[in-house]
Amino acid sequence: MLNYGYLAHQAEHATTQAGQRETDAQLGRLSAAFAQLLRPLIKPARALRRQPGTGQPGLRPCMPADNGSYLPGLGTRSSP
């Protein structure tokens, strides 16, 4: 459900370009801080997905190696 009162307030009080830039900068800093907090948690999970002995990403367990038949629009047709 939308908060129409707030939408009306935003329409009446347009933000300036400087105010929008500041809001965007704050959101960017918040996003960077959040990513920095998650980085130690994500790094071990990425290491588990690597191919043994290489730095290359491994196959994802949810997708078979021959995934052409599973993806729509790649020239595969189902017979009626």
Protein backbone atom coordinates (compact mmCIF):
# COMPACT_ATOMS: atom_id res chain seq x y z
CA MET A 1 0.00 0.00 0.00
CA LEU A 2 1.40 3.35 -1.00
CA ASN A 3 1.69 6.25 1.39
CA TYR A 4 -0.05 8.88 -0.75
CA GLY A 5 0.49 11.60 1.82
CA TYR A 6 4.25 11.20 1.53
CA LEU A 7 4.05 11.08 -2.28
CA ALA A 8 2.12 14.36 -2.23
CA HIS A 9 4.72 15.86 0.11
CA GLN A 10 7.52 14.81 -2.28
CA ALA A 11 5.67 16.34 -5.23
CA GLU A 12 5.23 19.65 -3.42
CA HIS A 13 8.81 19.80 -2.09
CA ALA A 14 11.07 19.04 -5.02
CA THR A 15 14.67 18.33 -4.07
CA THR A 16 17.46 20.43 -5.49
CA GLN A 17 20.28 18.90 -7.51
CA ALA A 18 22.66 19.47 -4.61
CA GLY A 19 20.26 17.77 -2.21
CA GLN A 20 19.85 14.80 -4.56
CA ARG A 21 23.63 14.49 -4.94
CA GLU A 22 24.03 14.48 -1.15
CA THR A 23 21.33 11.81 -0.80
CA ASP A 24 23.02 9.71 -3.48
CA ALA A 25 26.40 10.11 -1.74
CA GLN A 26 24.90 9.01 1.59
CA LEU A 27 23.33 5.95 -0.03
CA GLY A 28 26.66 5.11 -1.68
CA ARG A 29 28.52 5.33 1.63
CA LEU A 30 25.89 3.18 3.32
CA SER A 31 26.11 0.59 0.55
CA ALA A 32 29.92 0.51 0.75
CA ALA A 33 29.82 0.05 4.52
CA PHE A 34 27.30 -2.77 4.21
CA ALA A 35 29.42 -4.50 1.55
CA GLN A 36 32.49 -4.18 3.77
CA LEU A 37 30.62 -5.86 6.63
CA LEU A 38 29.51 -8.75 4.41
CA ARG A 39 32.87 -9.30 2.70
CA PRO A 40 34.33 -11.58 5.44
CA LEU A 41 31.21 -13.73 5.32
CA ILE A 42 31.16 -14.06 1.52
CA LYS A 43 34.86 -14.83 1.00
CA PRO A 44 34.73 -18.41 2.44
CA ALA A 45 31.64 -19.22 0.39
CA ARG A 46 33.39 -18.10 -2.79
CA ALA A 47 36.42 -20.25 -1.95
CA LEU A 48 34.17 -23.31 -1.74
CA ARG A 49 32.85 -22.67 -5.26
CA ARG A 50 36.35 -22.57 -6.83
CA GLN A 51 37.69 -25.45 -8.89
CA PRO A 52 40.32 -27.35 -6.90
CA GLY A 53 43.86 -26.23 -7.71
CA THR A 54 42.80 -23.19 -9.75
CA GLY A 55 41.47 -19.76 -9.12
CA GLN A 56 38.68 -20.33 -11.62
CA PRO A 57 35.06 -20.44 -10.52
CA GLY A 58 33.58 -23.92 -10.45
CA LEU A 59 30.28 -25.14 -11.81
CA ARG A 60 27.32 -24.26 -9.69
CA PRO A 61 25.67 -27.33 -8.22
CA CYS A 62 22.18 -26.15 -9.16
CA MET A 63 22.92 -26.08 -12.90
CA PRO A 64 23.93 -29.14 -14.92
CA ALA A 65 26.98 -28.90 -17.16
CA ASP A 66 24.78 -29.12 -20.28
CA ASN A 67 22.32 -26.38 -19.43
CA GLY A 68 21.31 -25.48 -23.01
CA SER A 69 18.15 -27.54 -22.76
CA TYR A 70 17.14 -25.82 -19.53
CA LEU A 71 17.35 -22.25 -20.78
CA PRO A 72 14.42 -20.92 -22.84
CA GLY A 73 15.05 -19.14 -26.10
CA LEU A 74 18.22 -20.99 -27.11
CA GLY A 75 16.75 -22.79 -30.10
CA THR A 76 15.16 -25.62 -28.15
CA ARG A 77 11.53 -26.30 -28.85
CA SER A 78 9.12 -28.53 -27.07
CA SER A 79 7.02 -30.68 -29.31
CA PRO A 80 3.23 -30.19 -28.96
